[in-house]
Amino acid sequence: MRYSILLEDAEGVSYFEDRDVDLDLKTFAPPAAPFYASDAYDASRFVFLTLPAGWKGVPHRSPKRQLATVLSGTFRVQAGSGEVRDFTAGDLFWAEDVTGTGHASSAEGGEPVNLMVTQF
């Protein structure tokens, strides 16, 4: 399973990196047969968000380390490095740009973007 993570360099400029989730065969939900699962991550809360069609954000930092799961729509993120990525239903976007210049995001494609954001 692959996700994109937004990190910051020493100057506080955000940039994208692609990572794979490490999965091991585990007995996660006995008596169900084992299947592949990651290690657990501690989370403090989650929130559902809807960005209206055409919504454009200004550059900002992530309010907390957080993982966004795109439920529908096209969620565009521009890193401080200038790189732009589009995320669609099923994509995972992990943001750790909490101290630097941040990123800008928007709802593209003429439809709202629905997200579930888990904060760490």
N, C-alpha and C. Protein backbone atom coordinates (compact mmCIF):
# COMPACT_ATOMS: atom_id res chain seq x y z
N MET A 1 0.86 -1.17 0.00
CA MET A 1 0.00 0.00 0.00
C MET A 1 0.90 1.23 0.00
N ARG A 2 0.60 2.18 -0.86
CA ARG A 2 1.45 3.35 -1.04
C ARG A 2 0.71 4.62 -0.62
N TYR A 3 1.45 5.58 -0.08
CA TYR A 3 0.89 6.89 0.25
C TYR A 3 1.91 7.96 -0.06
N SER A 4 1.43 9.20 -0.19
CA SER A 4 2.30 10.36 -0.37
C SER A 4 2.38 11.09 0.96
N ILE A 5 3.58 11.49 1.34
CA ILE A 5 3.76 12.24 2.58
C ILE A 5 4.37 13.59 2.23
N LEU A 6 3.89 14.63 2.92
CA LEU A 6 4.39 15.99 2.74
C LEU A 6 5.30 16.28 3.92
N LEU A 7 6.59 16.44 3.65
CA LEU A 7 7.61 16.67 4.67
C LEU A 7 8.15 18.09 4.52
N GLU A 8 9.05 18.48 5.42
CA GLU A 8 9.71 19.79 5.34
C GLU A 8 11.21 19.61 5.35
N ASP A 9 11.91 20.43 4.56
CA ASP A 9 13.37 20.40 4.60
C ASP A 9 13.88 21.31 5.71
N ALA A 10 15.19 21.44 5.85
CA ALA A 10 15.79 22.23 6.93
C ALA A 10 15.38 23.70 6.88
N GLU A 11 14.99 24.20 5.70
CA GLU A 11 14.55 25.59 5.56
C GLU A 11 13.04 25.75 5.75
N GLY A 12 12.35 24.64 6.04
CA GLY A 12 10.91 24.70 6.27
C GLY A 12 10.07 24.65 5.00
N VAL A 13 10.68 24.28 3.88
CA VAL A 13 9.94 24.18 2.61
C VAL A 13 9.39 22.76 2.49
N SER A 14 8.09 22.66 2.24
CA SER A 14 7.47 21.35 2.15
C SER A 14 7.75 20.70 0.79
N TYR A 15 7.82 19.37 0.81
CA TYR A 15 8.05 18.59 -0.41
C TYR A 15 7.39 17.23 -0.25
N PHE A 16 7.07 16.59 -1.38
CA PHE A 16 6.44 15.29 -1.38
C PHE A 16 7.47 14.16 -1.37
N GLU A 17 7.09 13.05 -0.76
CA GLU A 17 7.86 11.81 -0.82
C GLU A 17 6.84 10.67 -0.87
N ASP A 18 7.11 9.65 -1.67
CA ASP A 18 6.24 8.47 -1.73
C ASP A 18 6.80 7.40 -0.81
N ARG A 19 5.90 6.77 -0.07
CA ARG A 19 6.30 5.71 0.86
C ARG A 19 5.34 4.54 0.73
N ASP A 20 5.82 3.38 1.15
CA ASP A 20 5.00 2.17 1.21
C ASP A 20 4.75 1.83 2.66
N VAL A 21 3.54 1.38 2.96
CA VAL A 21 3.21 0.90 4.30
C VAL A 21 3.78 -0.51 4.43
N ASP A 22 4.51 -0.76 5.53
CA ASP A 22 5.00 -2.10 5.80
C ASP A 22 3.86 -2.94 6.36
N LEU A 23 3.60 -4.08 5.73
CA LEU A 23 2.53 -4.97 6.15
C LEU A 23 3.11 -6.34 6.49
N ASP A 24 2.63 -6.91 7.58
CA ASP A 24 3.04 -8.25 7.99
C ASP A 24 1.79 -9.10 8.17
N LEU A 25 1.93 -10.41 7.95
CA LEU A 25 0.83 -11.33 8.16
C LEU A 25 0.55 -11.41 9.67
N LYS A 26 -0.68 -11.04 10.07
CA LYS A 26 -1.02 -10.97 11.49
C LYS A 26 -2.40 -11.56 11.74
N THR A 27 -2.59 -12.02 12.95
CA THR A 27 -3.93 -12.40 13.41
C THR A 27 -4.51 -11.14 14.02
N PHE A 28 -5.27 -10.41 13.24
CA PHE A 28 -5.75 -9.09 13.61
C PHE A 28 -7.14 -9.14 14.25
N ALA A 29 -8.00 -10.02 13.75
CA ALA A 29 -9.39 -10.07 14.20
C ALA A 29 -9.83 -11.52 14.41
N PRO A 30 -9.24 -12.19 15.43
CA PRO A 30 -9.60 -13.58 15.63
C PRO A 30 -11.11 -13.73 15.89
N PRO A 31 -11.73 -14.76 15.40
CA PRO A 31 -11.14 -15.98 14.85
C PRO A 31 -10.91 -15.93 13.35
N ALA A 32 -11.00 -14.74 12.72
CA ALA A 32 -10.74 -14.63 11.28
C ALA A 32 -9.31 -15.08 10.98
N ALA A 33 -9.12 -15.62 9.80
CA ALA A 33 -7.79 -16.06 9.36
C ALA A 33 -6.85 -14.85 9.32
N PRO A 34 -5.55 -15.08 9.51
CA PRO A 34 -4.59 -13.97 9.44
C PRO A 34 -4.63 -13.28 8.08
N PHE A 35 -4.33 -11.99 8.10
CA PHE A 35 -4.18 -11.20 6.87
C PHE A 35 -3.11 -10.15 7.11
N TYR A 36 -2.80 -9.39 6.08
CA TYR A 36 -1.71 -8.42 6.17
C TYR A 36 -2.19 -7.13 6.82
N ALA A 37 -1.42 -6.66 7.81
CA ALA A 37 -1.75 -5.44 8.54
C ALA A 37 -0.47 -4.71 8.90
N SER A 38 -0.58 -3.40 9.05
CA SER A 38 0.56 -2.59 9.47
C SER A 38 0.66 -2.57 10.99
N ASP A 39 1.72 -1.97 11.50
CA ASP A 39 1.78 -1.67 12.92
C ASP A 39 0.70 -0.63 13.21
N ALA A 40 0.30 -0.51 14.46
CA ALA A 40 -0.72 0.47 14.85
C ALA A 40 -0.10 1.85 15.04
N TYR A 41 -0.86 2.88 14.69
CA TYR A 41 -0.47 4.26 14.91
C TYR A 41 -1.44 4.86 15.93
N ASP A 42 -0.92 5.57 16.91
CA ASP A 42 -1.79 6.24 17.87
C ASP A 42 -2.35 7.50 17.22
N ALA A 43 -3.66 7.67 17.32
CA ALA A 43 -4.33 8.86 16.76
C ALA A 43 -5.12 9.53 17.87
N SER A 44 -5.26 10.85 17.78
CA SER A 44 -5.98 11.58 18.83
C SER A 44 -7.44 11.83 18.45
N ARG A 45 -7.72 12.00 17.15
CA ARG A 45 -9.10 12.25 16.71
C ARG A 45 -9.16 12.19 15.20
N PHE A 46 -10.40 12.18 14.68
CA PHE A 46 -10.57 12.30 13.24
C PHE A 46 -11.75 13.21 12.97
N VAL A 47 -11.76 13.76 11.75
CA VAL A 47 -12.80 14.71 11.36
C VAL A 47 -13.13 14.47 9.89
N PHE A 48 -14.40 14.68 9.52
CA PHE A 48 -14.81 14.63 8.12
C PHE A 48 -14.85 16.07 7.61
N LEU A 49 -14.35 16.28 6.39
CA LEU A 49 -14.32 17.61 5.78
C LEU A 49 -14.94 17.56 4.40
N THR A 50 -15.64 18.62 4.00
CA THR A 50 -16.10 18.80 2.63
C THR A 50 -15.60 20.15 2.15
N LEU A 51 -14.82 20.13 1.07
CA LEU A 51 -14.37 21.35 0.41
C LEU A 51 -15.33 21.59 -0.74
N PRO A 52 -16.03 22.73 -0.76
CA PRO A 52 -16.99 22.98 -1.85
C PRO A 52 -16.30 22.98 -3.22
N ALA A 53 -17.04 22.66 -4.25
CA ALA A 53 -16.51 22.69 -5.62
C ALA A 53 -15.88 24.05 -5.87
N GLY A 54 -14.66 24.07 -6.41
CA GLY A 54 -13.97 25.30 -6.72
C GLY A 54 -13.25 25.96 -5.55
N TRP A 55 -13.32 25.36 -4.35
CA TRP A 55 -12.66 25.93 -3.17
C TRP A 55 -11.17 26.03 -3.39
N LYS A 56 -10.58 27.17 -3.05
CA LYS A 56 -9.14 27.39 -3.16
C LYS A 56 -8.62 27.86 -1.81
N GLY A 57 -7.66 27.14 -1.26
CA GLY A 57 -7.05 27.53 0.01
C GLY A 57 -5.82 28.39 -0.22
N VAL A 58 -5.44 29.12 0.80
CA VAL A 58 -4.20 29.91 0.78
C VAL A 58 -3.10 29.05 1.39
N PRO A 59 -1.83 29.38 1.13
CA PRO A 59 -0.76 28.60 1.75
C PRO A 59 -0.91 28.59 3.28
N HIS A 60 -0.76 27.38 3.85
CA HIS A 60 -0.92 27.21 5.29
C HIS A 60 -0.15 25.97 5.74
N ARG A 61 0.15 25.90 7.01
CA ARG A 61 0.76 24.70 7.59
C ARG A 61 -0.36 23.72 7.97
N SER A 62 -0.01 22.46 8.06
CA SER A 62 -0.96 21.49 8.60
C SER A 62 -1.13 21.80 10.09
N PRO A 63 -2.39 21.78 10.59
CA PRO A 63 -2.60 22.12 11.99
C PRO A 63 -2.02 21.09 12.96
N LYS A 64 -1.89 19.85 12.50
CA LYS A 64 -1.30 18.74 13.26
C LYS A 64 -0.74 17.76 12.24
N ARG A 65 0.09 16.81 12.70
CA ARG A 65 0.45 15.70 11.83
C ARG A 65 -0.85 14.97 11.56
N GLN A 66 -1.14 14.73 10.28
CA GLN A 66 -2.44 14.14 9.96
C GLN A 66 -2.40 13.37 8.66
N LEU A 67 -3.34 12.42 8.57
CA LEU A 67 -3.49 11.58 7.39
C LEU A 67 -4.87 11.82 6.81
N ALA A 68 -4.93 12.30 5.57
CA ALA A 68 -6.19 12.53 4.89
C ALA A 68 -6.48 11.35 3.97
N THR A 69 -7.68 10.82 4.05
CA THR A 69 -8.18 9.81 3.13
C THR A 69 -9.20 10.48 2.25
N VAL A 70 -8.95 10.49 0.94
CA VAL A 70 -9.88 11.13 0.00
C VAL A 70 -11.04 10.17 -0.24
N LEU A 71 -12.25 10.64 0.06
CA LEU A 71 -13.44 9.83 -0.14
C LEU A 71 -14.07 10.06 -1.50
N SER A 72 -14.02 11.31 -1.98
CA SER A 72 -14.53 11.62 -3.32
C SER A 72 -13.99 12.97 -3.76
N GLY A 73 -14.03 13.20 -5.07
CA GLY A 73 -13.54 14.45 -5.63
C GLY A 73 -12.05 14.39 -5.93
N THR A 74 -11.52 15.54 -6.38
CA THR A 74 -10.10 15.67 -6.68
C THR A 74 -9.51 16.73 -5.77
N PHE A 75 -8.63 16.29 -4.87
CA PHE A 75 -7.98 17.14 -3.87
C PHE A 75 -6.59 17.45 -4.39
N ARG A 76 -6.34 18.72 -4.70
CA ARG A 76 -5.04 19.15 -5.23
C ARG A 76 -4.22 19.78 -4.11
N VAL A 77 -2.95 19.40 -4.03
CA VAL A 77 -2.03 19.95 -3.03
C VAL A 77 -0.78 20.43 -3.74
N GLN A 78 -0.38 21.67 -3.43
CA GLN A 78 0.87 22.21 -3.95
C GLN A 78 1.82 22.38 -2.78
N ALA A 79 2.94 21.65 -2.83
CA ALA A 79 3.97 21.74 -1.80
C ALA A 79 4.72 23.07 -1.93
N GLY A 80 5.41 23.45 -0.88
CA GLY A 80 6.23 24.65 -0.93
C GLY A 80 7.31 24.59 -2.00
N SER A 81 7.71 23.37 -2.38
CA SER A 81 8.71 23.17 -3.43
C SER A 81 8.17 23.51 -4.81
N GLY A 82 6.83 23.68 -4.90
CA GLY A 82 6.19 23.95 -6.18
C GLY A 82 5.54 22.74 -6.81
N GLU A 83 5.90 21.53 -6.36
CA GLU A 83 5.30 20.31 -6.93
C GLU A 83 3.82 20.26 -6.60
N VAL A 84 3.02 19.87 -7.59
CA VAL A 84 1.57 19.75 -7.43
C VAL A 84 1.17 18.30 -7.63
N ARG A 85 0.31 17.80 -6.73
CA ARG A 85 -0.23 16.45 -6.87
C ARG A 85 -1.74 16.47 -6.69
N ASP A 86 -2.42 15.64 -7.46
CA ASP A 86 -3.87 15.46 -7.33
C ASP A 86 -4.13 14.12 -6.67
N PHE A 87 -5.04 14.13 -5.69
CA PHE A 87 -5.43 12.93 -4.97
C PHE A 87 -6.92 12.71 -5.20
N THR A 88 -7.29 11.46 -5.48
CA THR A 88 -8.70 11.12 -5.75
C THR A 88 -9.14 9.99 -4.82
N ALA A 89 -10.39 9.57 -4.96
CA ALA A 89 -10.98 8.59 -4.05
C ALA A 89 -10.06 7.41 -3.79
N GLY A 90 -9.84 7.14 -2.51
CA GLY A 90 -9.00 6.03 -2.10
C GLY A 90 -7.56 6.42 -1.83
N ASP A 91 -7.13 7.61 -2.27
CA ASP A 91 -5.75 8.03 -2.05
C ASP A 91 -5.54 8.47 -0.60
N LEU A 92 -4.30 8.25 -0.13
CA LEU A 92 -3.89 8.65 1.21
C LEU A 92 -2.87 9.77 1.10
N PHE A 93 -3.08 10.83 1.87
CA PHE A 93 -2.18 11.98 1.86
C PHE A 93 -1.80 12.29 3.31
N TRP A 94 -0.53 12.07 3.65
CA TRP A 94 -0.03 12.26 5.01
C TRP A 94 0.68 13.60 5.06
N ALA A 95 0.29 14.48 5.96
CA ALA A 95 0.88 15.82 6.05
C ALA A 95 1.65 15.98 7.36
N GLU A 96 2.92 16.34 7.24
CA GLU A 96 3.75 16.60 8.41
C GLU A 96 4.40 17.97 8.32
N ASP A 97 3.85 18.86 7.52
CA ASP A 97 4.42 20.21 7.35
C ASP A 97 3.80 21.15 8.39
N VAL A 98 4.18 20.98 9.64
CA VAL A 98 3.54 21.70 10.75
C VAL A 98 4.32 22.93 11.22
N THR A 99 5.53 23.18 10.71
CA THR A 99 6.32 24.31 11.21
C THR A 99 6.82 25.26 10.13
N GLY A 100 6.90 24.83 8.91
CA GLY A 100 7.52 25.64 7.85
C GLY A 100 6.53 26.50 7.09
N THR A 101 6.78 26.63 5.79
CA THR A 101 5.96 27.50 4.94
C THR A 101 4.64 26.88 4.54
N GLY A 102 4.52 25.55 4.70
CA GLY A 102 3.24 24.89 4.43
C GLY A 102 3.00 24.56 2.98
N HIS A 103 1.71 24.46 2.66
CA HIS A 103 1.25 24.04 1.33
C HIS A 103 -0.05 24.76 1.03
N ALA A 104 -0.53 24.65 -0.21
CA ALA A 104 -1.84 25.17 -0.60
C ALA A 104 -2.65 24.00 -1.15
N SER A 105 -3.95 24.02 -0.91
CA SER A 105 -4.80 22.94 -1.39
C SER A 105 -6.06 23.50 -2.03
N SER A 106 -6.71 22.67 -2.84
CA SER A 106 -7.92 23.12 -3.53
C SER A 106 -8.77 21.93 -3.93
N ALA A 107 -10.05 22.23 -4.22
CA ALA A 107 -10.99 21.25 -4.76
C ALA A 107 -11.07 21.47 -6.26
N GLU A 108 -10.67 20.48 -7.03
CA GLU A 108 -10.60 20.60 -8.49
C GLU A 108 -11.69 19.77 -9.16
N GLY A 109 -11.87 19.97 -10.45
CA GLY A 109 -12.76 19.14 -11.25
C GLY A 109 -14.23 19.49 -11.16
N GLY A 110 -14.57 20.63 -10.56
CA GLY A 110 -15.96 21.06 -10.54
C GLY A 110 -16.87 20.30 -9.60
N GLU A 111 -16.28 19.57 -8.64
CA GLU A 111 -17.11 18.88 -7.66
C GLU A 111 -16.48 19.02 -6.27
N PRO A 112 -17.29 18.86 -5.22
CA PRO A 112 -16.74 18.95 -3.87
C PRO A 112 -15.73 17.83 -3.60
N VAL A 113 -14.87 18.06 -2.62
CA VAL A 113 -13.93 17.05 -2.16
C VAL A 113 -14.35 16.63 -0.75
N ASN A 114 -14.54 15.34 -0.56
CA ASN A 114 -14.86 14.80 0.77
C ASN A 114 -13.65 14.06 1.29
N LEU A 115 -13.25 14.41 2.52
CA LEU A 115 -12.08 13.84 3.16
C LEU A 115 -12.41 13.32 4.54
N MET A 116 -11.68 12.31 4.99
CA MET A 116 -11.65 11.93 6.39
C MET A 116 -10.21 12.15 6.83
N VAL A 117 -10.02 13.00 7.83
CA VAL A 117 -8.69 13.36 8.29
C VAL A 117 -8.48 12.81 9.69
N THR A 118 -7.43 11.99 9.84
CA THR A 118 -7.07 11.43 11.14
C THR A 118 -5.87 12.21 11.64
N GLN A 119 -5.97 12.76 12.86
CA GLN A 119 -4.89 13.57 13.43
C GLN A 119 -4.13 12.77 14.49
N PHE A 120 -2.82 12.96 14.48
CA PHE A 120 -1.93 12.25 15.41
C PHE A 120 -1.48 13.17 16.52
